[in-house]
Amino acid sequence: MEKIILAGGCFWCTEAVFTDVPGVLSIRSGFSGGHIKNPAYREVCQGRTGHAECIELCYNPEQLGLNEILDLFFKTHDPTTLNRQGHDVGEHYRSAIFYTNDLQRKAVEAYIRELEESGVFKNPIVTQIQGFSAFYPAEVEHQEYYKNNPFQPYCQYVIKPKLNIKKRHLGMD
């Protein structure tokens, strides 16, 4: 099992994108990259903690490679907007990857370099690459949010289009 922490804006979106992906063993929504321990959602959203909304993704590298994870991650959020994903604005919505070992760091750096060289994005990638230090799970009502609230307007207008990208990417149409 390997673990990587991904911040692609709202954690509800990122969690939903990686749900039911073969090789994913577990996903938890939460916070990383800030300066206080055990932050609450309200504190993070107020910009007082420096944390990013993210997911802790545990996966089987024999079933799901890191590049496959990065492909899906970069296809389902905008890594070129600083502290913003669509209408969601704030430092906690930043694009970031918290690697858990040096091999992951090197792979992420190489992947981003390839994306930049390919010109797939019109603007420069601003995704932060940081070593993992701590992950704090979000409150229970934020776990499996899409699964539990699929008809909520945010889920329909923001998350569902990302799931359609995932389905096309994984050949699930």
C-alpha atoms as a PDB file:
ATOM      1  CA  MET A   1       0.000   0.000   0.000  1.00  0.00           C
ATOM      2  CA  GLU A   2       1.119   3.548  -0.776  1.00  0.00           C
ATOM      3  CA  LYS A   3      -0.334   6.853   0.327  1.00  0.00           C
ATOM      4  CA  ILE A   4      -0.377  10.275  -1.307  1.00  0.00           C
ATOM      5  CA  ILE A   5      -2.240  13.446  -0.339  1.00  0.00           C
ATOM      6  CA  LEU A   6      -3.965  15.341  -3.166  1.00  0.00           C
ATOM      7  CA  ALA A   7      -5.473  18.826  -2.972  1.00  0.00           C
ATOM      8  CA  GLY A   8      -7.460  19.733  -6.072  1.00  0.00           C
ATOM      9  CA  GLY A   9      -9.841  22.344  -4.714  1.00  0.00           C
ATOM     10  CA  CYS A  10     -12.888  21.158  -2.811  1.00  0.00           C
ATOM     11  CA  PHE A  11     -12.221  17.804  -1.169  1.00  0.00           C
ATOM     12  CA  TRP A  12     -15.747  16.647  -1.985  1.00  0.00           C
ATOM     13  CA  CYS A  13     -14.781  16.763  -5.677  1.00  0.00           C
ATOM     14  CA  THR A  14     -11.418  15.053  -5.350  1.00  0.00           C
ATOM     15  CA  GLU A  15     -12.854  12.312  -3.147  1.00  0.00           C
ATOM     16  CA  ALA A  16     -15.686  11.640  -5.605  1.00  0.00           C
ATOM     17  CA  VAL A  17     -13.273  11.472  -8.552  1.00  0.00           C
ATOM     18  CA  PHE A  18     -11.163   8.747  -6.923  1.00  0.00           C
ATOM     19  CA  THR A  19     -14.083   6.750  -5.503  1.00  0.00           C
ATOM     20  CA  ASP A  20     -14.463   3.356  -7.217  1.00  0.00           C
ATOM     21  CA  VAL A  21     -11.179   3.664  -9.122  1.00  0.00           C
ATOM     22  CA  PRO A  22      -9.617   0.182  -9.313  1.00  0.00           C
ATOM     23  CA  GLY A  23      -6.570   0.020  -7.057  1.00  0.00           C
ATOM     24  CA  VAL A  24      -7.785   2.692  -4.623  1.00  0.00           C
ATOM     25  CA  LEU A  25      -7.920   1.106  -1.182  1.00  0.00           C
ATOM     26  CA  SER A  26      -9.256   4.026   0.850  1.00  0.00           C
ATOM     27  CA  ILE A  27      -9.978   7.734   0.655  1.00  0.00           C
ATOM     28  CA  ARG A  28     -10.484  10.256   3.443  1.00  0.00           C
ATOM     29  CA  SER A  29     -11.309  13.922   3.044  1.00  0.00           C
ATOM     30  CA  GLY A  30      -9.381  16.278   5.266  1.00  0.00           C
ATOM     31  CA  PHE A  31      -6.736  18.940   5.577  1.00  0.00           C
ATOM     32  CA  SER A  32      -2.978  19.168   5.124  1.00  0.00           C
ATOM     33  CA  GLY A  33      -0.285  21.774   4.680  1.00  0.00           C
ATOM     34  CA  GLY A  34      -1.288  24.164   7.442  1.00  0.00           C
ATOM     35  CA  HIS A  35       0.189  25.434  10.671  1.00  0.00           C
ATOM     36  CA  ILE A  36      -2.181  24.245  13.412  1.00  0.00           C
ATOM     37  CA  LYS A  37      -3.112  20.766  14.614  1.00  0.00           C
ATOM     38  CA  ASN A  38      -6.598  19.291  14.162  1.00  0.00           C
ATOM     39  CA  PRO A  39      -8.233  22.196  12.342  1.00  0.00           C
ATOM     40  CA  ALA A  40     -11.998  22.373  12.012  1.00  0.00           C
ATOM     41  CA  TYR A  41     -13.663  22.935   8.632  1.00  0.00           C
ATOM     42  CA  ARG A  42     -14.875  26.374   9.677  1.00  0.00           C
ATOM     43  CA  GLU A  43     -11.337  27.479  10.634  1.00  0.00           C
ATOM     44  CA  VAL A  44      -9.882  26.189   7.371  1.00  0.00           C
ATOM     45  CA  CYS A  45     -12.576  27.938   5.300  1.00  0.00           C
ATOM     46  CA  GLN A  46     -11.936  31.196   7.125  1.00  0.00           C
ATOM     47  CA  GLY A  47      -8.311  31.028   5.983  1.00  0.00           C
ATOM     48  CA  ARG A  48      -6.903  30.987   9.512  1.00  0.00           C
ATOM     49  CA  THR A  49      -4.956  27.710   9.339  1.00  0.00           C
ATOM     50  CA  GLY A  50      -3.053  27.589   6.041  1.00  0.00           C
ATOM     51  CA  HIS A  51      -4.436  24.125   5.270  1.00  0.00           C
ATOM     52  CA  ALA A  52      -5.613  22.849   1.898  1.00  0.00           C
ATOM     53  CA  GLU A  53      -8.754  20.778   1.498  1.00  0.00           C
ATOM     54  CA  CYS A  54      -7.412  17.435   0.306  1.00  0.00           C
ATOM     55  CA  ILE A  55      -7.814  13.705   0.259  1.00  0.00           C
ATOM     56  CA  GLU A  56      -5.633  11.034   1.758  1.00  0.00           C
ATOM     57  CA  LEU A  57      -5.469   8.418  -0.980  1.00  0.00           C
ATOM     58  CA  CYS A  58      -4.245   4.928  -0.124  1.00  0.00           C
ATOM     59  CA  TYR A  59      -3.675   2.745  -3.155  1.00  0.00           C
ATOM     60  CA  ASN A  60      -2.170  -0.500  -4.347  1.00  0.00           C
ATOM     61  CA  PRO A  61       0.725   0.472  -6.679  1.00  0.00           C
ATOM     62  CA  GLU A  62       0.550  -2.937  -8.337  1.00  0.00           C
ATOM     63  CA  GLN A  63      -2.999  -2.126  -9.518  1.00  0.00           C
ATOM     64  CA  LEU A  64      -2.838   1.654  -9.866  1.00  0.00           C
ATOM     65  CA  GLY A  65       0.317   3.500 -10.801  1.00  0.00           C
ATOM     66  CA  LEU A  66       1.185   6.979  -9.582  1.00  0.00           C
ATOM     67  CA  ASN A  67       1.118   8.341 -13.138  1.00  0.00           C
ATOM     68  CA  GLU A  68      -2.439   7.022 -13.534  1.00  0.00           C
ATOM     69  CA  ILE A  69      -3.397   8.835 -10.326  1.00  0.00           C
ATOM     70  CA  LEU A  70      -1.730  12.023 -11.573  1.00  0.00           C
ATOM     71  CA  ASP A  71      -3.476  11.715 -14.970  1.00  0.00           C
ATOM     72  CA  LEU A  72      -6.876  11.659 -13.296  1.00  0.00           C
ATOM     73  CA  PHE A  73      -5.941  14.349 -10.771  1.00  0.00           C
ATOM     74  CA  PHE A  74      -4.755  16.824 -13.407  1.00  0.00           C
ATOM     75  CA  LYS A  75      -7.688  16.115 -15.753  1.00  0.00           C
ATOM     76  CA  THR A  76     -10.297  16.868 -13.094  1.00  0.00           C
ATOM     77  CA  HIS A  77      -9.133  20.191 -11.691  1.00  0.00           C
ATOM     78  CA  ASP A  78      -7.376  23.333 -12.926  1.00  0.00           C
ATOM     79  CA  PRO A  79      -3.764  23.304 -11.720  1.00  0.00           C
ATOM     80  CA  THR A  80      -3.126  26.759 -13.229  1.00  0.00           C
ATOM     81  CA  THR A  81      -5.249  28.884 -10.904  1.00  0.00           C
ATOM     82  CA  LEU A  82      -3.698  29.963  -7.626  1.00  0.00           C
ATOM     83  CA  ASN A  83      -5.937  29.388  -4.603  1.00  0.00           C
ATOM     84  CA  ARG A  84      -9.007  28.859  -6.745  1.00  0.00           C
ATOM     85  CA  GLN A  85     -11.105  26.185  -8.442  1.00  0.00           C
ATOM     86  CA  GLY A  86     -13.960  27.720 -10.414  1.00  0.00           C
ATOM     87  CA  HIS A  87     -16.114  29.725  -8.007  1.00  0.00           C
ATOM     88  CA  ASP A  88     -14.350  28.228  -4.961  1.00  0.00           C
ATOM     89  CA  VAL A  89     -11.778  30.813  -3.880  1.00  0.00           C
ATOM     90  CA  GLY A  90      -9.285  30.769  -1.014  1.00  0.00           C
ATOM     91  CA  GLU A  91      -5.943  29.310  -0.014  1.00  0.00           C
ATOM     92  CA  HIS A  92      -7.701  26.128   1.151  1.00  0.00           C
ATOM     93  CA  TYR A  93      -8.785  25.474  -2.472  1.00  0.00           C
ATOM     94  CA  ARG A  94      -5.214  25.465  -3.791  1.00  0.00           C
ATOM     95  CA  SER A  95      -3.789  22.744  -5.988  1.00  0.00           C
ATOM     96  CA  ALA A  96      -1.164  20.772  -4.069  1.00  0.00           C
ATOM     97  CA  ILE A  97       0.406  17.354  -3.827  1.00  0.00           C
ATOM     98  CA  PHE A  98       1.869  16.172  -0.539  1.00  0.00           C
ATOM     99  CA  TYR A  99       4.244  13.327  -1.336  1.00  0.00           C
ATOM    100  CA  THR A 100       5.113  10.650   1.225  1.00  0.00           C
ATOM    101  CA  ASN A 101       8.480   9.535  -0.157  1.00  0.00           C
ATOM    102  CA  ASP A 102      11.255  10.725  -2.443  1.00  0.00           C
ATOM    103  CA  LEU A 103      10.210   8.453  -5.324  1.00  0.00           C
ATOM    104  CA  GLN A 104       6.782  10.100  -5.337  1.00  0.00           C
ATOM    105  CA  ARG A 105       8.361  13.577  -5.278  1.00  0.00           C
ATOM    106  CA  LYS A 106      10.548  12.774  -8.276  1.00  0.00           C
ATOM    107  CA  ALA A 107       7.646  11.207 -10.182  1.00  0.00           C
ATOM    108  CA  VAL A 108       5.369  14.195  -9.488  1.00  0.00           C
ATOM    109  CA  GLU A 109       8.050  16.688 -10.529  1.00  0.00           C
ATOM    110  CA  ALA A 110       8.719  14.736 -13.747  1.00  0.00           C
ATOM    111  CA  TYR A 111       4.996  14.455 -14.506  1.00  0.00           C
ATOM    112  CA  ILE A 112       4.445  18.200 -14.078  1.00  0.00           C
ATOM    113  CA  ARG A 113       7.519  18.954 -16.191  1.00  0.00           C
ATOM    114  CA  GLU A 114       6.062  16.782 -18.976  1.00  0.00           C
ATOM    115  CA  LEU A 115       2.709  18.559 -18.725  1.00  0.00           C
ATOM    116  CA  GLU A 116       4.388  21.950 -18.952  1.00  0.00           C
ATOM    117  CA  GLU A 117       6.536  20.894 -21.909  1.00  0.00           C
ATOM    118  CA  SER A 118       3.511  19.451 -23.737  1.00  0.00           C
ATOM    119  CA  GLY A 119       1.630  22.755 -23.542  1.00  0.00           C
ATOM    120  CA  VAL A 120      -1.576  20.974 -22.514  1.00  0.00           C
ATOM    121  CA  PHE A 121      -2.367  23.912 -20.215  1.00  0.00           C
ATOM    122  CA  LYS A 122      -2.387  27.448 -21.588  1.00  0.00           C
ATOM    123  CA  ASN A 123      -1.118  28.916 -18.303  1.00  0.00           C
ATOM    124  CA  PRO A 124       1.709  27.773 -15.994  1.00  0.00           C
ATOM    125  CA  ILE A 125       0.974  25.014 -13.477  1.00  0.00           C
ATOM    126  CA  VAL A 126       0.913  26.379  -9.916  1.00  0.00           C
ATOM    127  CA  THR A 127       0.389  23.066  -8.099  1.00  0.00           C
ATOM    128  CA  GLN A 128       2.452  23.037  -4.916  1.00  0.00           C
ATOM    129  CA  ILE A 129       4.644  19.990  -4.327  1.00  0.00           C
ATOM    130  CA  GLN A 130       5.371  19.510  -0.633  1.00  0.00           C
ATOM    131  CA  GLY A 131       6.559  16.763   1.643  1.00  0.00           C
ATOM    132  CA  PHE A 132       3.805  15.229   3.713  1.00  0.00           C
ATOM    133  CA  SER A 133       3.828  16.156   7.386  1.00  0.00           C
ATOM    134  CA  ALA A 134       0.307  15.652   8.748  1.00  0.00           C
ATOM    135  CA  PHE A 135      -3.206  14.845   7.606  1.00  0.00           C
ATOM    136  CA  TYR A 136      -6.261  15.771   9.648  1.00  0.00           C
ATOM    137  CA  PRO A 137      -9.539  14.073   8.691  1.00  0.00           C
ATOM    138  CA  ALA A 138     -12.489  16.379   8.093  1.00  0.00           C
ATOM    139  CA  GLU A 139     -15.669  16.013  10.083  1.00  0.00           C
ATOM    140  CA  VAL A 140     -17.851  12.978   9.329  1.00  0.00           C
ATOM    141  CA  GLU A 141     -20.381  14.981   7.279  1.00  0.00           C
ATOM    142  CA  HIS A 142     -17.631  15.733   4.733  1.00  0.00           C
ATOM    143  CA  GLN A 143     -16.712  12.078   4.177  1.00  0.00           C
ATOM    144  CA  GLU A 144     -18.318  10.452   1.110  1.00  0.00           C
ATOM    145  CA  TYR A 145     -20.135  13.726   0.499  1.00  0.00           C
ATOM    146  CA  TYR A 146     -21.103  13.071  -3.120  1.00  0.00           C
ATOM    147  CA  LYS A 147     -22.243   9.534  -2.355  1.00  0.00           C
ATOM    148  CA  ASN A 148     -24.469  10.826   0.439  1.00  0.00           C
ATOM    149  CA  ASN A 149     -25.703  13.998  -1.349  1.00  0.00           C
ATOM    150  CA  PRO A 150     -25.712  13.306  -5.108  1.00  0.00           C
ATOM    151  CA  PHE A 151     -28.638  15.632  -5.853  1.00  0.00           C
ATOM    152  CA  GLN A 152     -27.361  18.599  -3.863  1.00  0.00           C
ATOM    153  CA  PRO A 153     -26.829  21.475  -6.370  1.00  0.00           C
ATOM    154  CA  TYR A 154     -23.053  21.678  -5.785  1.00  0.00           C
ATOM    155  CA  CYS A 155     -22.780  17.963  -6.513  1.00  0.00           C
ATOM    156  CA  GLN A 156     -24.801  18.258  -9.716  1.00  0.00           C
ATOM    157  CA  TYR A 157     -23.096  21.362 -11.122  1.00  0.00           C
ATOM    158  CA  VAL A 158     -19.509  20.997  -9.911  1.00  0.00           C
ATOM    159  CA  ILE A 159     -18.798  17.359  -9.056  1.00  0.00           C
ATOM    160  CA  LYS A 160     -20.854  15.507 -11.679  1.00  0.00           C
ATOM    161  CA  PRO A 161     -18.949  17.005 -14.657  1.00  0.00           C
ATOM    162  CA  LYS A 162     -15.694  15.836 -13.054  1.00  0.00           C
ATOM    163  CA  LEU A 163     -17.157  12.351 -12.715  1.00  0.00           C
ATOM    164  CA  ASN A 164     -18.011  12.403 -16.413  1.00  0.00           C
ATOM    165  CA  ILE A 165     -14.357  13.198 -17.174  1.00  0.00           C
ATOM    166  CA  LYS A 166     -13.322  10.312 -14.917  1.00  0.00           C
ATOM    167  CA  LYS A 167     -15.703   7.914 -16.687  1.00  0.00           C
ATOM    168  CA  ARG A 168     -14.341   8.876 -20.112  1.00  0.00           C
ATOM    169  CA  HIS A 169     -10.751   8.678 -18.858  1.00  0.00           C
ATOM    170  CA  LEU A 170     -11.229   5.222 -17.345  1.00  0.00           C
ATOM    171  CA  GLY A 171     -13.393   3.949 -20.207  1.00  0.00           C
ATOM    172  CA  MET A 172     -16.448   3.594 -17.977  1.00  0.00           C
ATOM    173  CA  ASP A 173     -18.944   5.129 -20.440  1.00  0.00           C
END
